Amino acid sequence: MPTPSLAPCPVSEAPPALPPPEVPPEPSLTKTAQASQDWRTRRHARYTAVQELLAQGMRMRAIAKQLQLSRKTVRQFAVAEPFPERGTRRAGRSKLDPFIPYLEQQLAAG
């Protein structure tokens, strides 16, 4: 039986190009998170508008009238150096709070 001839493999000049790595899609936001992000975007736009009009020398009352904002909001945006982010809500007390240690103990006991 004849042995197959082993011819040398031609060496390519460059290895085959790999496809670019897939970029994972951005995680989709919940409706609540999307609404919160949209609200922040609109609020930041109002803050920027107030800062620009103040830089032009416009008075706060005129800015409030032009942008249809309350004077209090314009004043808050005027004195805020960086954009004032909204704070996160603190969790309120629950009626179950006094019983949590007991419930955890019962859960651990099976």
PDB file of N, CA and C in Angstrom:
ATOM      1  N   MET A   1       0.833  -1.152   0.000  1.00  0.00           N
ATOM      2  CA  MET A   1       0.000   0.000   0.000  1.00  0.00           C
ATOM      3  C   MET A   1       0.890   1.230   0.000  1.00  0.00           C
ATOM      4  N   PRO A   2       0.628   2.151  -0.931  1.00  0.00           N
ATOM      5  CA  PRO A   2       1.488   3.323  -1.022  1.00  0.00           C
ATOM      6  C   PRO A   2       1.182   4.297   0.115  1.00  0.00           C
ATOM      7  N   THR A   3       2.204   4.901   0.626  1.00  0.00           N
ATOM      8  CA  THR A   3       2.009   5.903   1.672  1.00  0.00           C
ATOM      9  C   THR A   3       1.725   7.253   1.031  1.00  0.00           C
ATOM     10  N   PRO A   4       0.836   7.960   1.595  1.00  0.00           N
ATOM     11  CA  PRO A   4       0.522   9.271   1.022  1.00  0.00           C
ATOM     12  C   PRO A   4       1.704  10.203   1.191  1.00  0.00           C
ATOM     13  N   SER A   5       1.905  11.012   0.192  1.00  0.00           N
ATOM     14  CA  SER A   5       3.027  11.947   0.266  1.00  0.00           C
ATOM     15  C   SER A   5       2.620  13.138   1.108  1.00  0.00           C
ATOM     16  N   LEU A   6       3.497  13.511   1.948  1.00  0.00           N
ATOM     17  CA  LEU A   6       3.230  14.658   2.802  1.00  0.00           C
ATOM     18  C   LEU A   6       3.908  15.874   2.191  1.00  0.00           C
ATOM     19  N   ALA A   7       3.119  16.638   1.515  1.00  0.00           N
ATOM     20  CA  ALA A   7       3.647  17.853   0.915  1.00  0.00           C
ATOM     21  C   ALA A   7       3.589  18.953   1.959  1.00  0.00           C
ATOM     22  N   PRO A   8       4.569  19.810   1.987  1.00  0.00           N
ATOM     23  CA  PRO A   8       4.534  20.892   2.970  1.00  0.00           C
ATOM     24  C   PRO A   8       3.341  21.815   2.694  1.00  0.00           C
ATOM     25  N   CYS A   9       2.707  22.231   3.762  1.00  0.00           N
ATOM     26  CA  CYS A   9       1.572  23.155   3.638  1.00  0.00           C
ATOM     27  C   CYS A   9       2.097  24.540   3.317  1.00  0.00           C
ATOM     28  N   PRO A  10       1.442  25.176   2.381  1.00  0.00           N
ATOM     29  CA  PRO A  10       1.888  26.549   2.105  1.00  0.00           C
ATOM     30  C   PRO A  10       1.600  27.430   3.321  1.00  0.00           C
ATOM     31  N   VAL A  11       2.547  28.212   3.714  1.00  0.00           N
ATOM     32  CA  VAL A  11       2.399  29.108   4.859  1.00  0.00           C
ATOM     33  C   VAL A  11       1.837  30.427   4.351  1.00  0.00           C
ATOM     34  N   SER A  12       0.728  30.811   4.900  1.00  0.00           N
ATOM     35  CA  SER A  12       0.155  32.088   4.484  1.00  0.00           C
ATOM     36  C   SER A  12       0.927  33.217   5.149  1.00  0.00           C
ATOM     37  N   GLU A  13       0.843  34.349   4.540  1.00  0.00           N
ATOM     38  CA  GLU A  13       1.611  35.488   5.039  1.00  0.00           C
ATOM     39  C   GLU A  13       1.037  36.028   6.344  1.00  0.00           C
ATOM     40  N   ALA A  14      -0.277  36.050   6.465  1.00  0.00           N
ATOM     41  CA  ALA A  14      -0.901  36.583   7.661  1.00  0.00           C
ATOM     42  C   ALA A  14      -2.000  35.628   8.102  1.00  0.00           C
ATOM     43  N   PRO A  15      -2.210  35.520   9.381  1.00  0.00           N
ATOM     44  CA  PRO A  15      -3.294  34.650   9.834  1.00  0.00           C
ATOM     45  C   PRO A  15      -4.632  35.234   9.386  1.00  0.00           C
ATOM     46  N   PRO A  16      -5.638  34.397   9.252  1.00  0.00           N
ATOM     47  CA  PRO A  16      -6.931  34.912   8.817  1.00  0.00           C
ATOM     48  C   PRO A  16      -7.456  35.942   9.818  1.00  0.00           C
ATOM     49  N   ALA A  17      -8.087  36.945   9.291  1.00  0.00           N
ATOM     50  CA  ALA A  17      -8.598  38.025  10.142  1.00  0.00           C
ATOM     51  C   ALA A  17      -9.766  37.513  10.976  1.00  0.00           C
ATOM     52  N   LEU A  18      -9.720  37.862  12.236  1.00  0.00           N
ATOM     53  CA  LEU A  18     -10.816  37.480  13.119  1.00  0.00           C
ATOM     54  C   LEU A  18     -11.897  38.536  13.039  1.00  0.00           C
ATOM     55  N   PRO A  19     -13.153  38.119  13.162  1.00  0.00           N
ATOM     56  CA  PRO A  19     -14.208  39.137  13.158  1.00  0.00           C
ATOM     57  C   PRO A  19     -14.072  40.012  14.400  1.00  0.00           C
ATOM     58  N   PRO A  20     -14.494  41.257  14.308  1.00  0.00           N
ATOM     59  CA  PRO A  20     -14.385  42.135  15.480  1.00  0.00           C
ATOM     60  C   PRO A  20     -15.225  41.576  16.620  1.00  0.00           C
ATOM     61  N   PRO A  21     -14.788  41.798  17.838  1.00  0.00           N
ATOM     62  CA  PRO A  21     -15.556  41.272  18.965  1.00  0.00           C
ATOM     63  C   PRO A  21     -16.932  41.928  19.015  1.00  0.00           C
ATOM     64  N   GLU A  22     -17.898  41.121  19.372  1.00  0.00           N
ATOM     65  CA  GLU A  22     -19.250  41.654  19.442  1.00  0.00           C
ATOM     66  C   GLU A  22     -19.386  42.538  20.669  1.00  0.00           C
ATOM     67  N   VAL A  23     -19.968  43.688  20.457  1.00  0.00           N
ATOM     68  CA  VAL A  23     -20.212  44.604  21.559  1.00  0.00           C
ATOM     69  C   VAL A  23     -21.538  44.188  22.177  1.00  0.00           C
ATOM     70  N   PRO A  24     -21.535  43.917  23.471  1.00  0.00           N
ATOM     71  CA  PRO A  24     -22.807  43.506  24.069  1.00  0.00           C
ATOM     72  C   PRO A  24     -23.808  44.648  23.993  1.00  0.00           C
ATOM     73  N   PRO A  25     -25.052  44.332  23.714  1.00  0.00           N
ATOM     74  CA  PRO A  25     -26.042  45.403  23.636  1.00  0.00           C
ATOM     75  C   PRO A  25     -26.230  46.035  25.010  1.00  0.00           C
ATOM     76  N   GLU A  26     -26.585  47.306  24.989  1.00  0.00           N
ATOM     77  CA  GLU A  26     -26.823  47.996  26.246  1.00  0.00           C
ATOM     78  C   GLU A  26     -27.981  47.322  26.955  1.00  0.00           C
ATOM     79  N   PRO A  27     -27.858  47.150  28.253  1.00  0.00           N
ATOM     80  CA  PRO A  27     -28.971  46.512  28.952  1.00  0.00           C
ATOM     81  C   PRO A  27     -30.206  47.392  28.853  1.00  0.00           C
ATOM     82  N   SER A  28     -31.309  46.767  28.556  1.00  0.00           N
ATOM     83  CA  SER A  28     -32.533  47.550  28.420  1.00  0.00           C
ATOM     84  C   SER A  28     -33.000  47.980  29.800  1.00  0.00           C
ATOM     85  N   LEU A  29     -33.467  49.200  29.861  1.00  0.00           N
ATOM     86  CA  LEU A  29     -33.910  49.757  31.126  1.00  0.00           C
ATOM     87  C   LEU A  29     -35.370  49.413  31.355  1.00  0.00           C
ATOM     88  N   THR A  30     -35.723  49.337  32.603  1.00  0.00           N
ATOM     89  CA  THR A  30     -37.125  49.157  32.915  1.00  0.00           C
ATOM     90  C   THR A  30     -37.857  50.450  32.571  1.00  0.00           C
ATOM     91  N   LYS A  31     -39.161  50.375  32.499  1.00  0.00           N
ATOM     92  CA  LYS A  31     -39.935  51.580  32.170  1.00  0.00           C
ATOM     93  C   LYS A  31     -39.706  52.672  33.205  1.00  0.00           C
ATOM     94  N   THR A  32     -39.619  52.271  34.457  1.00  0.00           N
ATOM     95  CA  THR A  32     -39.402  53.257  35.516  1.00  0.00           C
ATOM     96  C   THR A  32     -38.024  53.898  35.390  1.00  0.00           C
ATOM     97  N   ALA A  33     -37.014  53.080  35.126  1.00  0.00           N
ATOM     98  CA  ALA A  33     -35.654  53.611  34.982  1.00  0.00           C
ATOM     99  C   ALA A  33     -35.549  54.507  33.750  1.00  0.00           C
ATOM    100  N   GLN A  34     -36.219  54.127  32.659  1.00  0.00           N
ATOM    101  CA  GLN A  34     -36.206  54.946  31.447  1.00  0.00           C
ATOM    102  C   GLN A  34     -36.898  56.285  31.697  1.00  0.00           C
ATOM    103  N   ALA A  35     -38.033  56.249  32.400  1.00  0.00           N
ATOM    104  CA  ALA A  35     -38.749  57.489  32.713  1.00  0.00           C
ATOM    105  C   ALA A  35     -37.892  58.389  33.596  1.00  0.00           C
ATOM    106  N   SER A  36     -37.187  57.790  34.545  1.00  0.00           N
ATOM    107  CA  SER A  36     -36.317  58.561  35.423  1.00  0.00           C
ATOM    108  C   SER A  36     -35.180  59.201  34.632  1.00  0.00           C
ATOM    109  N   GLN A  37     -34.607  58.446  33.711  1.00  0.00           N
ATOM    110  CA  GLN A  37     -33.519  58.977  32.885  1.00  0.00           C
ATOM    111  C   GLN A  37     -34.030  60.103  31.977  1.00  0.00           C
ATOM    112  N   ASP A  38     -35.224  59.929  31.411  1.00  0.00           N
ATOM    113  CA  ASP A  38     -35.805  60.972  30.566  1.00  0.00           C
ATOM    114  C   ASP A  38     -36.056  62.246  31.379  1.00  0.00           C
ATOM    115  N   TRP A  39     -36.570  62.083  32.595  1.00  0.00           N
ATOM    116  CA  TRP A  39     -36.847  63.235  33.457  1.00  0.00           C
ATOM    117  C   TRP A  39     -35.549  63.971  33.783  1.00  0.00           C
ATOM    118  N   ARG A  40     -34.475  63.223  34.076  1.00  0.00           N
ATOM    119  CA  ARG A  40     -33.193  63.847  34.386  1.00  0.00           C
ATOM    120  C   ARG A  40     -32.668  64.616  33.189  1.00  0.00           C
ATOM    121  N   THR A  41     -32.844  64.062  31.977  1.00  0.00           N
ATOM    122  CA  THR A  41     -32.374  64.731  30.762  1.00  0.00           C
ATOM    123  C   THR A  41     -33.104  66.056  30.568  1.00  0.00           C
ATOM    124  N   ARG A  42     -34.421  66.043  30.754  1.00  0.00           N
ATOM    125  CA  ARG A  42     -35.196  67.289  30.601  1.00  0.00           C
ATOM    126  C   ARG A  42     -34.813  68.306  31.671  1.00  0.00           C
ATOM    127  N   ARG A  43     -34.604  67.828  32.897  1.00  0.00           N
ATOM    128  CA  ARG A  43     -34.233  68.718  33.993  1.00  0.00           C
ATOM    129  C   ARG A  43     -32.857  69.336  33.734  1.00  0.00           C
ATOM    130  N   HIS A  44     -31.928  68.547  33.213  1.00  0.00           N
ATOM    131  CA  HIS A  44     -30.594  69.059  32.910  1.00  0.00           C
ATOM    132  C   HIS A  44     -30.668  70.105  31.799  1.00  0.00           C
ATOM    133  N   ALA A  45     -31.550  69.892  30.826  1.00  0.00           N
ATOM    134  CA  ALA A  45     -31.709  70.876  29.744  1.00  0.00           C
ATOM    135  C   ALA A  45     -32.222  72.202  30.307  1.00  0.00           C
ATOM    136  N   ARG A  46     -33.162  72.142  31.247  1.00  0.00           N
ATOM    137  CA  ARG A  46     -33.663  73.377  31.867  1.00  0.00           C
ATOM    138  C   ARG A  46     -32.561  74.070  32.668  1.00  0.00           C
ATOM    139  N   TYR A  47     -31.765  73.273  33.396  1.00  0.00           N
ATOM    140  CA  TYR A  47     -30.659  73.838  34.171  1.00  0.00           C
ATOM    141  C   TYR A  47     -29.678  74.558  33.245  1.00  0.00           C
ATOM    142  N   THR A  48     -29.340  73.921  32.125  1.00  0.00           N
ATOM    143  CA  THR A  48     -28.399  74.509  31.176  1.00  0.00           C
ATOM    144  C   THR A  48     -28.963  75.807  30.595  1.00  0.00           C
ATOM    145  N   ALA A  49     -30.263  75.803  30.272  1.00  0.00           N
ATOM    146  CA  ALA A  49     -30.887  77.008  29.719  1.00  0.00           C
ATOM    147  C   ALA A  49     -30.832  78.150  30.730  1.00  0.00           C
ATOM    148  N   VAL A  50     -31.115  77.848  31.999  1.00  0.00           N
ATOM    149  CA  VAL A  50     -31.069  78.883  33.039  1.00  0.00           C
ATOM    150  C   VAL A  50     -29.654  79.438  33.160  1.00  0.00           C
ATOM    151  N   GLN A  51     -28.655  78.564  33.175  1.00  0.00           N
ATOM    152  CA  GLN A  51     -27.276  79.019  33.302  1.00  0.00           C
ATOM    153  C   GLN A  51     -26.849  79.889  32.114  1.00  0.00           C
ATOM    154  N   GLU A  52     -27.271  79.508  30.907  1.00  0.00           N
ATOM    155  CA  GLU A  52     -26.917  80.296  29.719  1.00  0.00           C
ATOM    156  C   GLU A  52     -27.564  81.675  29.755  1.00  0.00           C
ATOM    157  N   LEU A  53     -28.836  81.736  30.144  1.00  0.00           N
ATOM    158  CA  LEU A  53     -29.518  83.032  30.193  1.00  0.00           C
ATOM    159  C   LEU A  53     -28.946  83.917  31.298  1.00  0.00           C
ATOM    160  N   LEU A  54     -28.553  83.321  32.400  1.00  0.00           N
ATOM    161  CA  LEU A  54     -27.901  84.110  33.456  1.00  0.00           C
ATOM    162  C   LEU A  54     -26.574  84.672  32.969  1.00  0.00           C
ATOM    163  N   ALA A  55     -25.835  83.877  32.204  1.00  0.00           N
ATOM    164  CA  ALA A  55     -24.544  84.333  31.673  1.00  0.00           C
ATOM    165  C   ALA A  55     -24.735  85.490  30.704  1.00  0.00           C
ATOM    166  N   GLN A  56     -25.889  85.548  30.045  1.00  0.00           N
ATOM    167  CA  GLN A  56     -26.186  86.650  29.124  1.00  0.00           C
ATOM    168  C   GLN A  56     -26.647  87.897  29.868  1.00  0.00           C
ATOM    169  N   GLY A  57     -26.815  87.785  31.191  1.00  0.00           N
ATOM    170  CA  GLY A  57     -27.198  88.946  31.989  1.00  0.00           C
ATOM    171  C   GLY A  57     -28.697  89.094  32.184  1.00  0.00           C
ATOM    172  N   MET A  58     -29.451  88.098  31.870  1.00  0.00           N
ATOM    173  CA  MET A  58     -30.906  88.175  32.022  1.00  0.00           C
ATOM    174  C   MET A  58     -31.267  88.025  33.499  1.00  0.00           C
ATOM    175  N   ARG A  59     -32.320  88.710  33.914  1.00  0.00           N
ATOM    176  CA  ARG A  59     -32.768  88.645  35.302  1.00  0.00           C
ATOM    177  C   ARG A  59     -33.550  87.357  35.551  1.00  0.00           C
ATOM    178  N   MET A  60     -33.553  86.922  36.813  1.00  0.00           N
ATOM    179  CA  MET A  60     -34.204  85.653  37.157  1.00  0.00           C
ATOM    180  C   MET A  60     -35.696  85.662  36.861  1.00  0.00           C
ATOM    181  N   ARG A  61     -36.342  86.769  37.110  1.00  0.00           N
ATOM    182  CA  ARG A  61     -37.789  86.844  36.858  1.00  0.00           C
ATOM    183  C   ARG A  61     -38.072  86.694  35.359  1.00  0.00           C
ATOM    184  N   ALA A  62     -37.245  87.319  34.523  1.00  0.00           N
ATOM    185  CA  ALA A  62     -37.423  87.210  33.075  1.00  0.00           C
ATOM    186  C   ALA A  62     -37.135  85.783  32.595  1.00  0.00           C
ATOM    187  N   ILE A  63     -36.141  85.148  33.200  1.00  0.00           N
ATOM    188  CA  ILE A  63     -35.829  83.762  32.839  1.00  0.00           C
ATOM    189  C   ILE A  63     -36.997  82.857  33.193  1.00  0.00           C
ATOM    190  N   ALA A  64     -37.561  83.055  34.369  1.00  0.00           N
ATOM    191  CA  ALA A  64     -38.697  82.243  34.800  1.00  0.00           C
ATOM    192  C   ALA A  64     -39.869  82.401  33.841  1.00  0.00           C
ATOM    193  N   LYS A  65     -40.097  83.630  33.416  1.00  0.00           N
ATOM    194  CA  LYS A  65     -41.204  83.884  32.498  1.00  0.00           C
ATOM    195  C   LYS A  65     -40.923  83.268  31.126  1.00  0.00           C
ATOM    196  N   GLN A  66     -39.704  83.413  30.636  1.00  0.00           N
ATOM    197  CA  GLN A  66     -39.358  82.901  29.309  1.00  0.00           C
ATOM    198  C   GLN A  66     -39.388  81.375  29.270  1.00  0.00           C
ATOM    199  N   LEU A  67     -38.851  80.738  30.294  1.00  0.00           N
ATOM    200  CA  LEU A  67     -38.767  79.275  30.305  1.00  0.00           C
ATOM    201  C   LEU A  67     -39.985  78.614  30.938  1.00  0.00           C
ATOM    202  N   GLN A  68     -40.908  79.427  31.426  1.00  0.00           N
ATOM    203  CA  GLN A  68     -42.119  78.951  32.088  1.00  0.00           C
ATOM    204  C   GLN A  68     -41.779  78.048  33.271  1.00  0.00           C
ATOM    205  N   LEU A  69     -40.870  78.546  34.098  1.00  0.00           N
ATOM    206  CA  LEU A  69     -40.481  77.866  35.328  1.00  0.00           C
ATOM    207  C   LEU A  69     -40.837  78.763  36.497  1.00  0.00           C
ATOM    208  N   SER A  70     -40.931  78.185  37.667  1.00  0.00           N
ATOM    209  CA  SER A  70     -41.174  79.019  38.836  1.00  0.00           C
ATOM    210  C   SER A  70     -39.896  79.780  39.171  1.00  0.00           C
ATOM    211  N   ARG A  71     -40.054  80.909  39.835  1.00  0.00           N
ATOM    212  CA  ARG A  71     -38.875  81.686  40.218  1.00  0.00           C
ATOM    213  C   ARG A  71     -38.014  80.910  41.209  1.00  0.00           C
ATOM    214  N   LYS A  72     -38.663  80.087  42.017  1.00  0.00           N
ATOM    215  CA  LYS A  72     -37.922  79.264  42.974  1.00  0.00           C
ATOM    216  C   LYS A  72     -36.998  78.276  42.238  1.00  0.00           C
ATOM    217  N   THR A  73     -37.515  77.657  41.180  1.00  0.00           N
ATOM    218  CA  THR A  73     -36.699  76.718  40.401  1.00  0.00           C
ATOM    219  C   THR A  73     -35.538  77.442  39.748  1.00  0.00           C
ATOM    220  N   VAL A  74     -35.799  78.612  39.187  1.00  0.00           N
ATOM    221  CA  VAL A  74     -34.740  79.387  38.542  1.00  0.00           C
ATOM    222  C   VAL A  74     -33.685  79.772  39.576  1.00  0.00           C
ATOM    223  N   ARG A  75     -34.119  80.167  40.754  1.00  0.00           N
ATOM    224  CA  ARG A  75     -33.178  80.542  41.806  1.00  0.00           C
ATOM    225  C   ARG A  75     -32.326  79.335  42.220  1.00  0.00           C
ATOM    226  N   GLN A  76     -32.957  78.170  42.360  1.00  0.00           N
ATOM    227  CA  GLN A  76     -32.200  76.969  42.738  1.00  0.00           C
ATOM    228  C   GLN A  76     -31.169  76.609  41.672  1.00  0.00           C
ATOM    229  N   PHE A  77     -31.557  76.707  40.405  1.00  0.00           N
ATOM    230  CA  PHE A  77     -30.622  76.408  39.324  1.00  0.00           C
ATOM    231  C   PHE A  77     -29.536  77.479  39.232  1.00  0.00           C
ATOM    232  N   ALA A  78     -29.871  78.719  39.596  1.00  0.00           N
ATOM    233  CA  ALA A  78     -28.906  79.811  39.492  1.00  0.00           C
ATOM    234  C   ALA A  78     -27.780  79.665  40.514  1.00  0.00           C
ATOM    235  N   VAL A  79     -28.110  79.235  41.718  1.00  0.00           N
ATOM    236  CA  VAL A  79     -27.090  79.147  42.762  1.00  0.00           C
ATOM    237  C   VAL A  79     -26.351  77.815  42.751  1.00  0.00           C
ATOM    238  N   ALA A  80     -26.873  76.827  42.034  1.00  0.00           N
ATOM    239  CA  ALA A  80     -26.226  75.514  41.993  1.00  0.00           C
ATOM    240  C   ALA A  80     -25.018  75.578  41.069  1.00  0.00           C
ATOM    241  N   GLU A  81     -23.843  75.284  41.602  1.00  0.00           N
ATOM    242  CA  GLU A  81     -22.634  75.314  40.777  1.00  0.00           C
ATOM    243  C   GLU A  81     -22.596  74.115  39.828  1.00  0.00           C
ATOM    244  N   PRO A  82     -22.531  72.889  40.327  1.00  0.00           N
ATOM    245  CA  PRO A  82     -22.726  71.783  39.376  1.00  0.00           C
ATOM    246  C   PRO A  82     -24.208  71.479  39.289  1.00  0.00           C
ATOM    247  N   PHE A  83     -24.592  70.697  38.318  1.00  0.00           N
ATOM    248  CA  PHE A  83     -25.987  70.317  38.146  1.00  0.00           C
ATOM    249  C   PHE A  83     -26.465  69.588  39.399  1.00  0.00           C
ATOM    250  N   PRO A  84     -27.548  70.065  40.012  1.00  0.00           N
ATOM    251  CA  PRO A  84     -28.025  69.434  41.250  1.00  0.00           C
ATOM    252  C   PRO A  84     -28.756  68.124  40.956  1.00  0.00           C
ATOM    253  N   GLU A  85     -28.115  67.020  41.282  1.00  0.00           N
ATOM    254  CA  GLU A  85     -28.736  65.711  41.093  1.00  0.00           C
ATOM    255  C   GLU A  85     -29.790  65.500  42.164  1.00  0.00           C
ATOM    256  N   ARG A  86     -30.775  64.731  41.825  1.00  0.00           N
ATOM    257  CA  ARG A  86     -31.806  64.383  42.794  1.00  0.00           C
ATOM    258  C   ARG A  86     -31.266  63.300  43.713  1.00  0.00           C
ATOM    259  N   GLY A  87     -31.624  63.378  44.962  1.00  0.00           N
ATOM    260  CA  GLY A  87     -31.210  62.357  45.914  1.00  0.00           C
ATOM    261  C   GLY A  87     -32.049  61.101  45.748  1.00  0.00           C
ATOM    262  N   THR A  88     -31.536  60.017  46.274  1.00  0.00           N
ATOM    263  CA  THR A  88     -32.300  58.782  46.235  1.00  0.00           C
ATOM    264  C   THR A  88     -33.190  58.726  47.470  1.00  0.00           C
ATOM    265  N   ARG A  89     -34.292  58.067  47.323  1.00  0.00           N
ATOM    266  CA  ARG A  89     -35.218  57.961  48.442  1.00  0.00           C
ATOM    267  C   ARG A  89     -34.694  56.957  49.456  1.00  0.00           C
ATOM    268  N   ARG A  90     -34.908  57.285  50.696  1.00  0.00           N
ATOM    269  CA  ARG A  90     -34.563  56.341  51.744  1.00  0.00           C
ATOM    270  C   ARG A  90     -35.738  55.387  51.922  1.00  0.00           C
ATOM    271  N   ALA A  91     -35.406  54.174  52.223  1.00  0.00           N
ATOM    272  CA  ALA A  91     -36.462  53.199  52.462  1.00  0.00           C
ATOM    273  C   ALA A  91     -37.177  53.556  53.757  1.00  0.00           C
ATOM    274  N   GLY A  92     -38.485  53.545  53.706  1.00  0.00           N
ATOM    275  CA  GLY A  92     -39.264  53.847  54.896  1.00  0.00           C
ATOM    276  C   GLY A  92     -39.344  52.633  55.807  1.00  0.00           C
ATOM    277  N   ARG A  93     -39.803  52.869  56.993  1.00  0.00           N
ATOM    278  CA  ARG A  93     -39.960  51.764  57.932  1.00  0.00           C
ATOM    279  C   ARG A  93     -41.167  50.930  57.536  1.00  0.00           C
ATOM    280  N   SER A  94     -41.033  49.649  57.737  1.00  0.00           N
ATOM    281  CA  SER A  94     -42.092  48.715  57.423  1.00  0.00           C
ATOM    282  C   SER A  94     -42.733  48.230  58.710  1.00  0.00           C
ATOM    283  N   LYS A  95     -43.966  47.785  58.607  1.00  0.00           N
ATOM    284  CA  LYS A  95     -44.629  47.219  59.779  1.00  0.00           C
ATOM    285  C   LYS A  95     -43.982  45.905  60.195  1.00  0.00           C
ATOM    286  N   LEU A  96     -43.250  45.300  59.262  1.00  0.00           N
ATOM    287  CA  LEU A  96     -42.584  44.033  59.558  1.00  0.00           C
ATOM    288  C   LEU A  96     -41.239  44.216  60.246  1.00  0.00           C
ATOM    289  N   ASP A  97     -40.696  45.412  60.259  1.00  0.00           N
ATOM    290  CA  ASP A  97     -39.356  45.637  60.810  1.00  0.00           C
ATOM    291  C   ASP A  97     -39.156  45.055  62.215  1.00  0.00           C
ATOM    292  N   PRO A  98     -40.101  45.205  63.143  1.00  0.00           N
ATOM    293  CA  PRO A  98     -39.863  44.638  64.473  1.00  0.00           C
ATOM    294  C   PRO A  98     -39.787  43.105  64.471  1.00  0.00           C
ATOM    295  N   PHE A  99     -40.361  42.465  63.473  1.00  0.00           N
ATOM    296  CA  PHE A  99     -40.431  41.008  63.455  1.00  0.00           C
ATOM    297  C   PHE A  99     -39.367  40.357  62.578  1.00  0.00           C
ATOM    298  N   ILE A 100     -38.529  41.140  61.895  1.00  0.00           N
ATOM    299  CA  ILE A 100     -37.548  40.584  60.967  1.00  0.00           C
ATOM    300  C   ILE A 100     -36.577  39.637  61.661  1.00  0.00           C
ATOM    301  N   PRO A 101     -36.029  39.961  62.834  1.00  0.00           N
ATOM    302  CA  PRO A 101     -35.119  38.990  63.467  1.00  0.00           C
ATOM    303  C   PRO A 101     -35.804  37.642  63.726  1.00  0.00           C
ATOM    304  N   TYR A 102     -37.039  37.672  64.196  1.00  0.00           N
ATOM    305  CA  TYR A 102     -37.770  36.429  64.460  1.00  0.00           C
ATOM    306  C   TYR A 102     -38.009  35.656  63.168  1.00  0.00           C
ATOM    307  N   LEU A 103     -38.416  36.366  62.125  1.00  0.00           N
ATOM    308  CA  LEU A 103     -38.674  35.702  60.848  1.00  0.00           C
ATOM    309  C   LEU A 103     -37.413  35.089  60.280  1.00  0.00           C
ATOM    310  N   GLU A 104     -36.291  35.790  60.374  1.00  0.00           N
ATOM    311  CA  GLU A 104     -35.018  35.245  59.887  1.00  0.00           C
ATOM    312  C   GLU A 104     -34.616  34.015  60.680  1.00  0.00           C
ATOM    313  N   GLN A 105     -34.875  34.044  61.994  1.00  0.00           N
ATOM    314  CA  GLN A 105     -34.560  32.891  62.832  1.00  0.00           C
ATOM    315  C   GLN A 105     -35.414  31.696  62.433  1.00  0.00           C
ATOM    316  N   GLN A 106     -36.677  31.910  62.194  1.00  0.00           N
ATOM    317  CA  GLN A 106     -37.563  30.824  61.799  1.00  0.00           C
ATOM    318  C   GLN A 106     -37.178  30.276  60.424  1.00  0.00           C
ATOM    319  N   LEU A 107     -36.781  31.173  59.523  1.00  0.00           N
ATOM    320  CA  LEU A 107     -36.369  30.749  58.188  1.00  0.00           C
ATOM    321  C   LEU A 107     -35.098  29.906  58.249  1.00  0.00           C
ATOM    322  N   ALA A 108     -34.153  30.307  59.112  1.00  0.00           N
ATOM    323  CA  ALA A 108     -32.914  29.560  59.250  1.00  0.00           C
ATOM    324  C   ALA A 108     -33.155  28.194  59.893  1.00  0.00           C
ATOM    325  N   ALA A 109     -34.136  28.114  60.766  1.00  0.00           N
ATOM    326  CA  ALA A 109     -34.445  26.845  61.434  1.00  0.00           C
ATOM    327  C   ALA A 109     -35.143  25.868  60.495  1.00  0.00           C
ATOM    328  N   GLY A 110     -35.699  26.378  59.445  1.00  0.00           N
ATOM    329  CA  GLY A 110     -36.337  25.502  58.461  1.00  0.00           C
ATOM    330  C   GLY A 110     -37.792  25.438  58.713  1.00  0.00           C
TER     331      GLY A 110
END
